[in-house]
Amino acid sequence: MSFFESEIINSVITRSLANALANYGPLKFAYTILNKRNMSDISILSNYPPEWVSSYKENGYQRIDPIVLQASVTNSPFLWG
């Protein structure tokens, strides 16, 4: 079992991210762990509805998501939105 396949660990990390962002208002987040060599190998920790996360993964949106594509080629912060 890989690190991000543990529901307990995922729950703790997701809760920690939500708590850290709480001061900024009601924000949605999706923390994505992606294998650059195999883009179908993806883990998402998020406070989006589970249906959204399932749809994202089932439809392979990581292959066309401009944020994911930009993040996969740079280690530096970048503006978007």
PDB file of N, CA and C in Angstrom:
ATOM      1  N   MET A   1       0.859  -1.182   0.000  1.00  0.00           N
ATOM      2  CA  MET A   1       0.000   0.000   0.000  1.00  0.00           C
ATOM      3  C   MET A   1       0.898   1.235   0.000  1.00  0.00           C
ATOM      4  N   SER A   2       0.626   2.155  -0.907  1.00  0.00           N
ATOM      5  CA  SER A   2       1.402   3.390  -0.930  1.00  0.00           C
ATOM      6  C   SER A   2       0.868   4.365   0.115  1.00  0.00           C
ATOM      7  N   PHE A   3       1.656   5.365   0.383  1.00  0.00           N
ATOM      8  CA  PHE A   3       1.342   6.359   1.413  1.00  0.00           C
ATOM      9  C   PHE A   3      -0.053   6.946   1.240  1.00  0.00           C
ATOM     10  N   PHE A   4      -0.403   7.342   0.027  1.00  0.00           N
ATOM     11  CA  PHE A   4      -1.671   8.029  -0.197  1.00  0.00           C
ATOM     12  C   PHE A   4      -2.844   7.083  -0.421  1.00  0.00           C
ATOM     13  N   GLU A   5      -2.645   5.781  -0.254  1.00  0.00           N
ATOM     14  CA  GLU A   5      -3.752   4.834  -0.302  1.00  0.00           C
ATOM     15  C   GLU A   5      -4.328   4.593   1.085  1.00  0.00           C
ATOM     16  N   SER A   6      -3.727   5.169   2.111  1.00  0.00           N
ATOM     17  CA  SER A   6      -4.208   5.016   3.481  1.00  0.00           C
ATOM     18  C   SER A   6      -5.286   6.055   3.768  1.00  0.00           C
ATOM     19  N   GLU A   7      -6.509   5.593   4.014  1.00  0.00           N
ATOM     20  CA  GLU A   7      -7.624   6.510   4.288  1.00  0.00           C
ATOM     21  C   GLU A   7      -7.378   7.343   5.544  1.00  0.00           C
ATOM     22  N   ILE A   8      -6.726   6.756   6.539  1.00  0.00           N
ATOM     23  CA  ILE A   8      -6.454   7.497   7.778  1.00  0.00           C
ATOM     24  C   ILE A   8      -5.491   8.645   7.498  1.00  0.00           C
ATOM     25  N   ILE A   9      -4.404   8.358   6.789  1.00  0.00           N
ATOM     26  CA  ILE A   9      -3.432   9.401   6.455  1.00  0.00           C
ATOM     27  C   ILE A   9      -4.084  10.459   5.580  1.00  0.00           C
ATOM     28  N   ASN A  10      -4.840  10.037   4.567  1.00  0.00           N
ATOM     29  CA  ASN A  10      -5.519  10.996   3.686  1.00  0.00           C
ATOM     30  C   ASN A  10      -6.455  11.897   4.469  1.00  0.00           C
ATOM     31  N   SER A  11      -7.186  11.334   5.400  1.00  0.00           N
ATOM     32  CA  SER A  11      -8.126  12.110   6.206  1.00  0.00           C
ATOM     33  C   SER A  11      -7.399  13.142   7.061  1.00  0.00           C
ATOM     34  N   VAL A  12      -6.293  12.746   7.673  1.00  0.00           N
ATOM     35  CA  VAL A  12      -5.516  13.668   8.513  1.00  0.00           C
ATOM     36  C   VAL A  12      -4.937  14.801   7.668  1.00  0.00           C
ATOM     37  N   ILE A  13      -4.369  14.476   6.516  1.00  0.00           N
ATOM     38  CA  ILE A  13      -3.788  15.506   5.649  1.00  0.00           C
ATOM     39  C   ILE A  13      -4.874  16.442   5.130  1.00  0.00           C
ATOM     40  N   THR A  14      -5.998  15.901   4.688  1.00  0.00           N
ATOM     41  CA  THR A  14      -7.098  16.723   4.175  1.00  0.00           C
ATOM     42  C   THR A  14      -7.619  17.663   5.250  1.00  0.00           C
ATOM     43  N   ARG A  15      -7.805  17.151   6.454  1.00  0.00           N
ATOM     44  CA  ARG A  15      -8.261  17.987   7.573  1.00  0.00           C
ATOM     45  C   ARG A  15      -7.238  19.077   7.897  1.00  0.00           C
ATOM     46  N   SER A  16      -5.963  18.730   7.870  1.00  0.00           N
ATOM     47  CA  SER A  16      -4.905  19.705   8.146  1.00  0.00           C
ATOM     48  C   SER A  16      -4.879  20.809   7.099  1.00  0.00           C
ATOM     49  N   LEU A  17      -5.026  20.450   5.829  1.00  0.00           N
ATOM     50  CA  LEU A  17      -5.077  21.457   4.765  1.00  0.00           C
ATOM     51  C   LEU A  17      -6.286  22.367   4.935  1.00  0.00           C
ATOM     52  N   ALA A  18      -7.438  21.789   5.228  1.00  0.00           N
ATOM     53  CA  ALA A  18      -8.660  22.582   5.426  1.00  0.00           C
ATOM     54  C   ALA A  18      -8.487  23.541   6.598  1.00  0.00           C
ATOM     55  N   ASN A  19      -7.897  23.075   7.690  1.00  0.00           N
ATOM     56  CA  ASN A  19      -7.675  23.938   8.853  1.00  0.00           C
ATOM     57  C   ASN A  19      -6.697  25.061   8.530  1.00  0.00           C
ATOM     58  N   ALA A  20      -5.637  24.757   7.790  1.00  0.00           N
ATOM     59  CA  ALA A  20      -4.645  25.770   7.430  1.00  0.00           C
ATOM     60  C   ALA A  20      -5.241  26.849   6.530  1.00  0.00           C
ATOM     61  N   LEU A  21      -6.201  26.477   5.700  1.00  0.00           N
ATOM     62  CA  LEU A  21      -6.809  27.432   4.767  1.00  0.00           C
ATOM     63  C   LEU A  21      -8.032  28.133   5.337  1.00  0.00           C
ATOM     64  N   ALA A  22      -8.508  27.719   6.489  1.00  0.00           N
ATOM     65  CA  ALA A  22      -9.750  28.251   7.066  1.00  0.00           C
ATOM     66  C   ALA A  22      -9.704  29.761   7.281  1.00  0.00           C
ATOM     67  N   ASN A  23      -8.541  30.314   7.588  1.00  0.00           N
ATOM     68  CA  ASN A  23      -8.421  31.762   7.812  1.00  0.00           C
ATOM     69  C   ASN A  23      -8.673  32.578   6.551  1.00  0.00           C
ATOM     70  N   TYR A  24      -8.626  31.941   5.392  1.00  0.00           N
ATOM     71  CA  TYR A  24      -8.801  32.645   4.122  1.00  0.00           C
ATOM     72  C   TYR A  24     -10.231  32.589   3.604  1.00  0.00           C
ATOM     73  N   GLY A  25     -11.117  32.023   4.383  1.00  0.00           N
ATOM     74  CA  GLY A  25     -12.517  31.934   3.970  1.00  0.00           C
ATOM     75  C   GLY A  25     -12.854  30.534   3.496  1.00  0.00           C
ATOM     76  N   PRO A  26     -14.059  30.381   2.976  1.00  0.00           N
ATOM     77  CA  PRO A  26     -14.499  29.052   2.517  1.00  0.00           C
ATOM     78  C   PRO A  26     -13.891  28.703   1.152  1.00  0.00           C
ATOM     79  N   LEU A  27     -12.708  28.126   1.174  1.00  0.00           N
ATOM     80  CA  LEU A  27     -11.998  27.775  -0.055  1.00  0.00           C
ATOM     81  C   LEU A  27     -12.115  26.286  -0.351  1.00  0.00           C
ATOM     82  N   LYS A  28     -12.088  25.962  -1.617  1.00  0.00           N
ATOM     83  CA  LYS A  28     -11.996  24.569  -2.049  1.00  0.00           C
ATOM     84  C   LYS A  28     -10.549  24.318  -2.467  1.00  0.00           C
ATOM     85  N   PHE A  29     -10.053  23.110  -2.232  1.00  0.00           N
ATOM     86  CA  PHE A  29      -8.693  22.775  -2.636  1.00  0.00           C
ATOM     87  C   PHE A  29      -8.646  21.348  -3.157  1.00  0.00           C
ATOM     88  N   ALA A  30      -7.664  21.114  -3.994  1.00  0.00           N
ATOM     89  CA  ALA A  30      -7.370  19.771  -4.481  1.00  0.00           C
ATOM     90  C   ALA A  30      -5.855  19.636  -4.516  1.00  0.00           C
ATOM     91  N   TYR A  31      -5.317  18.832  -3.619  1.00  0.00           N
ATOM     92  CA  TYR A  31      -3.888  18.553  -3.566  1.00  0.00           C
ATOM     93  C   TYR A  31      -3.677  17.275  -4.364  1.00  0.00           C
ATOM     94  N   THR A  32      -2.895  17.377  -5.420  1.00  0.00           N
ATOM     95  CA  THR A  32      -2.756  16.270  -6.359  1.00  0.00           C
ATOM     96  C   THR A  32      -1.350  15.698  -6.342  1.00  0.00           C
ATOM     97  N   ILE A  33      -1.257  14.403  -6.289  1.00  0.00           N
ATOM     98  CA  ILE A  33       0.007  13.696  -6.392  1.00  0.00           C
ATOM     99  C   ILE A  33      -0.060  12.923  -7.700  1.00  0.00           C
ATOM    100  N   LEU A  34       0.870  13.212  -8.594  1.00  0.00           N
ATOM    101  CA  LEU A  34       0.788  12.686  -9.952  1.00  0.00           C
ATOM    102  C   LEU A  34       2.122  12.075 -10.364  1.00  0.00           C
ATOM    103  N   ASN A  35       2.072  10.929 -10.989  1.00  0.00           N
ATOM    104  CA  ASN A  35       3.245  10.287 -11.559  1.00  0.00           C
ATOM    105  C   ASN A  35       3.436  10.853 -12.961  1.00  0.00           C
ATOM    106  N   LYS A  36       4.509  11.602 -13.187  1.00  0.00           N
ATOM    107  CA  LYS A  36       4.743  12.223 -14.503  1.00  0.00           C
ATOM    108  C   LYS A  36       4.913  11.191 -15.614  1.00  0.00           C
ATOM    109  N   ARG A  37       5.400  10.016 -15.275  1.00  0.00           N
ATOM    110  CA  ARG A  37       5.615   8.980 -16.287  1.00  0.00           C
ATOM    111  C   ARG A  37       4.340   8.229 -16.638  1.00  0.00           C
ATOM    112  N   ASN A  38       3.385   8.247 -15.712  1.00  0.00           N
ATOM    113  CA  ASN A  38       2.110   7.562 -15.932  1.00  0.00           C
ATOM    114  C   ASN A  38       1.007   8.443 -15.351  1.00  0.00           C
ATOM    115  N   MET A  39       0.478   9.348 -16.156  1.00  0.00           N
ATOM    116  CA  MET A  39      -0.464  10.347 -15.649  1.00  0.00           C
ATOM    117  C   MET A  39      -1.787   9.752 -15.178  1.00  0.00           C
ATOM    118  N   SER A  40      -2.033   8.485 -15.449  1.00  0.00           N
ATOM    119  CA  SER A  40      -3.244   7.870 -14.909  1.00  0.00           C
ATOM    120  C   SER A  40      -3.045   7.459 -13.447  1.00  0.00           C
ATOM    121  N   ASP A  41      -1.788   7.463 -12.989  1.00  0.00           N
ATOM    122  CA  ASP A  41      -1.459   7.167 -11.590  1.00  0.00           C
ATOM    123  C   ASP A  41      -1.554   8.474 -10.803  1.00  0.00           C
ATOM    124  N   ILE A  42      -2.733   8.739 -10.232  1.00  0.00           N
ATOM    125  CA  ILE A  42      -3.003  10.019  -9.585  1.00  0.00           C
ATOM    126  C   ILE A  42      -3.719   9.799  -8.252  1.00  0.00           C
ATOM    127  N   SER A  43      -3.335  10.599  -7.280  1.00  0.00           N
ATOM    128  CA  SER A  43      -4.041  10.648  -5.997  1.00  0.00           C
ATOM    129  C   SER A  43      -4.468  12.089  -5.771  1.00  0.00           C
ATOM    130  N   ILE A  44      -5.674  12.281  -5.265  1.00  0.00           N
ATOM    131  CA  ILE A  44      -6.191  13.624  -5.009  1.00  0.00           C
ATOM    132  C   ILE A  44      -6.713  13.687  -3.582  1.00  0.00           C
ATOM    133  N   LEU A  45      -6.182  14.633  -2.819  1.00  0.00           N
ATOM    134  CA  LEU A  45      -6.692  14.936  -1.486  1.00  0.00           C
ATOM    135  C   LEU A  45      -7.418  16.255  -1.618  1.00  0.00           C
ATOM    136  N   SER A  46      -8.703  16.278  -1.276  1.00  0.00           N
ATOM    137  CA  SER A  46      -9.516  17.435  -1.616  1.00  0.00           C
ATOM    138  C   SER A  46     -10.708  17.582  -0.688  1.00  0.00           C
ATOM    139  N   ASN A  47     -11.210  18.812  -0.627  1.00  0.00           N
ATOM    140  CA  ASN A  47     -12.478  19.022   0.073  1.00  0.00           C
ATOM    141  C   ASN A  47     -13.618  19.238  -0.933  1.00  0.00           C
ATOM    142  N   TYR A  48     -13.359  18.928  -2.199  1.00  0.00           N
ATOM    143  CA  TYR A  48     -14.424  18.917  -3.198  1.00  0.00           C
ATOM    144  C   TYR A  48     -15.301  17.688  -2.943  1.00  0.00           C
ATOM    145  N   PRO A  49     -16.531  17.697  -3.441  1.00  0.00           N
ATOM    146  CA  PRO A  49     -17.389  16.514  -3.275  1.00  0.00           C
ATOM    147  C   PRO A  49     -16.738  15.274  -3.903  1.00  0.00           C
ATOM    148  N   PRO A  50     -16.927  14.120  -3.293  1.00  0.00           N
ATOM    149  CA  PRO A  50     -16.336  12.884  -3.830  1.00  0.00           C
ATOM    150  C   PRO A  50     -16.723  12.628  -5.289  1.00  0.00           C
ATOM    151  N   GLU A  51     -17.924  13.048  -5.682  1.00  0.00           N
ATOM    152  CA  GLU A  51     -18.367  12.859  -7.074  1.00  0.00           C
ATOM    153  C   GLU A  51     -17.472  13.644  -8.034  1.00  0.00           C
ATOM    154  N   TRP A  52     -17.055  14.845  -7.624  1.00  0.00           N
ATOM    155  CA  TRP A  52     -16.179  15.672  -8.461  1.00  0.00           C
ATOM    156  C   TRP A  52     -14.829  14.980  -8.628  1.00  0.00           C
ATOM    157  N   VAL A  53     -14.273  14.498  -7.525  1.00  0.00           N
ATOM    158  CA  VAL A  53     -12.968  13.831  -7.562  1.00  0.00           C
ATOM    159  C   VAL A  53     -13.045  12.582  -8.441  1.00  0.00           C
ATOM    160  N   SER A  54     -14.097  11.797  -8.283  1.00  0.00           N
ATOM    161  CA  SER A  54     -14.268  10.590  -9.104  1.00  0.00           C
ATOM    162  C   SER A  54     -14.374  10.936 -10.577  1.00  0.00           C
ATOM    163  N   SER A  55     -15.161  11.945 -10.902  1.00  0.00           N
ATOM    164  CA  SER A  55     -15.326  12.367 -12.291  1.00  0.00           C
ATOM    165  C   SER A  55     -13.998  12.844 -12.876  1.00  0.00           C
ATOM    166  N   TYR A  56     -13.250  13.625 -12.104  1.00  0.00           N
ATOM    167  CA  TYR A  56     -11.949  14.136 -12.549  1.00  0.00           C
ATOM    168  C   TYR A  56     -11.028  12.972 -12.912  1.00  0.00           C
ATOM    169  N   LYS A  57     -10.946  11.995 -12.019  1.00  0.00           N
ATOM    170  CA  LYS A  57     -10.052  10.862 -12.239  1.00  0.00           C
ATOM    171  C   LYS A  57     -10.545   9.956 -13.362  1.00  0.00           C
ATOM    172  N   GLU A  58     -11.843   9.646 -13.376  1.00  0.00           N
ATOM    173  CA  GLU A  58     -12.400   8.742 -14.390  1.00  0.00           C
ATOM    174  C   GLU A  58     -12.275   9.310 -15.799  1.00  0.00           C
ATOM    175  N   ASN A  59     -12.377  10.632 -15.931  1.00  0.00           N
ATOM    176  CA  ASN A  59     -12.289  11.274 -17.239  1.00  0.00           C
ATOM    177  C   ASN A  59     -10.867  11.674 -17.620  1.00  0.00           C
ATOM    178  N   GLY A  60      -9.911  11.425 -16.738  1.00  0.00           N
ATOM    179  CA  GLY A  60      -8.512  11.732 -17.049  1.00  0.00           C
ATOM    180  C   GLY A  60      -8.243  13.211 -17.241  1.00  0.00           C
ATOM    181  N   TYR A  61      -8.967  14.049 -16.506  1.00  0.00           N
ATOM    182  CA  TYR A  61      -8.812  15.496 -16.685  1.00  0.00           C
ATOM    183  C   TYR A  61      -7.407  15.994 -16.366  1.00  0.00           C
ATOM    184  N   GLN A  62      -6.620  15.222 -15.603  1.00  0.00           N
ATOM    185  CA  GLN A  62      -5.255  15.641 -15.307  1.00  0.00           C
ATOM    186  C   GLN A  62      -4.421  15.756 -16.581  1.00  0.00           C
ATOM    187  N   ARG A  63      -4.842  15.090 -17.643  1.00  0.00           N
ATOM    188  CA  ARG A  63      -4.114  15.149 -18.914  1.00  0.00           C
ATOM    189  C   ARG A  63      -4.336  16.463 -19.666  1.00  0.00           C
ATOM    190  N   ILE A  64      -5.411  17.201 -19.318  1.00  0.00           N
ATOM    191  CA  ILE A  64      -5.712  18.457 -20.015  1.00  0.00           C
ATOM    192  C   ILE A  64      -5.844  19.648 -19.072  1.00  0.00           C
ATOM    193  N   ASP A  65      -5.744  19.418 -17.776  1.00  0.00           N
ATOM    194  CA  ASP A  65      -5.880  20.482 -16.784  1.00  0.00           C
ATOM    195  C   ASP A  65      -4.676  21.422 -16.901  1.00  0.00           C
ATOM    196  N   PRO A  66      -4.895  22.700 -17.248  1.00  0.00           N
ATOM    197  CA  PRO A  66      -3.758  23.610 -17.455  1.00  0.00           C
ATOM    198  C   PRO A  66      -2.899  23.804 -16.206  1.00  0.00           C
ATOM    199  N   ILE A  67      -3.487  23.727 -15.033  1.00  0.00           N
ATOM    200  CA  ILE A  67      -2.709  23.881 -13.800  1.00  0.00           C
ATOM    201  C   ILE A  67      -1.810  22.666 -13.595  1.00  0.00           C
ATOM    202  N   VAL A  68      -2.343  21.487 -13.792  1.00  0.00           N
ATOM    203  CA  VAL A  68      -1.545  20.265 -13.655  1.00  0.00           C
ATOM    204  C   VAL A  68      -0.424  20.252 -14.688  1.00  0.00           C
ATOM    205  N   LEU A  69      -0.734  20.620 -15.918  1.00  0.00           N
ATOM    206  CA  LEU A  69       0.283  20.626 -16.969  1.00  0.00           C
ATOM    207  C   LEU A  69       1.397  21.618 -16.661  1.00  0.00           C
ATOM    208  N   GLN A  70       1.054  22.811 -16.194  1.00  0.00           N
ATOM    209  CA  GLN A  70       2.074  23.806 -15.851  1.00  0.00           C
ATOM    210  C   GLN A  70       2.905  23.341 -14.657  1.00  0.00           C
ATOM    211  N   ALA A  71       2.248  22.802 -13.649  1.00  0.00           N
ATOM    212  CA  ALA A  71       2.961  22.336 -12.456  1.00  0.00           C
ATOM    213  C   ALA A  71       3.903  21.173 -12.775  1.00  0.00           C
ATOM    214  N   SER A  72       3.600  20.423 -13.815  1.00  0.00           N
ATOM    215  CA  SER A  72       4.445  19.278 -14.157  1.00  0.00           C
ATOM    216  C   SER A  72       5.743  19.682 -14.852  1.00  0.00           C
ATOM    217  N   VAL A  73       5.857  20.948 -15.267  1.00  0.00           N
ATOM    218  CA  VAL A  73       7.072  21.391 -15.963  1.00  0.00           C
ATOM    219  C   VAL A  73       7.846  22.463 -15.204  1.00  0.00           C
ATOM    220  N   THR A  74       7.388  22.839 -14.019  1.00  0.00           N
ATOM    221  CA  THR A  74       8.099  23.860 -13.255  1.00  0.00           C
ATOM    222  C   THR A  74       8.091  23.532 -11.767  1.00  0.00           C
ATOM    223  N   ASN A  75       9.135  23.948 -11.099  1.00  0.00           N
ATOM    224  CA  ASN A  75       9.203  23.836  -9.645  1.00  0.00           C
ATOM    225  C   ASN A  75       8.946  25.186  -8.989  1.00  0.00           C
ATOM    226  N   SER A  76       8.772  26.204  -9.797  1.00  0.00           N
ATOM    227  CA  SER A  76       8.597  27.564  -9.298  1.00  0.00           C
ATOM    228  C   SER A  76       7.121  27.918  -9.199  1.00  0.00           C
ATOM    229  N   PRO A  77       6.785  28.839  -8.308  1.00  0.00           N
ATOM    230  CA  PRO A  77       5.398  29.324  -8.253  1.00  0.00           C
ATOM    231  C   PRO A  77       5.014  29.975  -9.584  1.00  0.00           C
ATOM    232  N   PHE A  78       3.733  29.943  -9.907  1.00  0.00           N
ATOM    233  CA  PHE A  78       3.257  30.600 -11.121  1.00  0.00           C
ATOM    234  C   PHE A  78       1.863  31.151 -10.871  1.00  0.00           C
ATOM    235  N   LEU A  79       1.519  32.180 -11.625  1.00  0.00           N
ATOM    236  CA  LEU A  79       0.202  32.803 -11.511  1.00  0.00           C
ATOM    237  C   LEU A  79      -0.789  32.079 -12.409  1.00  0.00           C
ATOM    238  N   TRP A  80      -2.019  31.994 -11.958  1.00  0.00           N
ATOM    239  CA  TRP A  80      -3.091  31.438 -12.770  1.00  0.00           C
ATOM    240  C   TRP A  80      -4.405  32.025 -12.299  1.00  0.00           C
ATOM    241  N   GLY A  81      -5.381  31.903 -13.115  1.00  0.00           N
ATOM    242  CA  GLY A  81      -6.703  32.368 -12.705  1.00  0.00           C
ATOM    243  C   GLY A  81      -7.210  33.523 -13.510  1.00  0.00           C
TER     244      GLY A  81
END
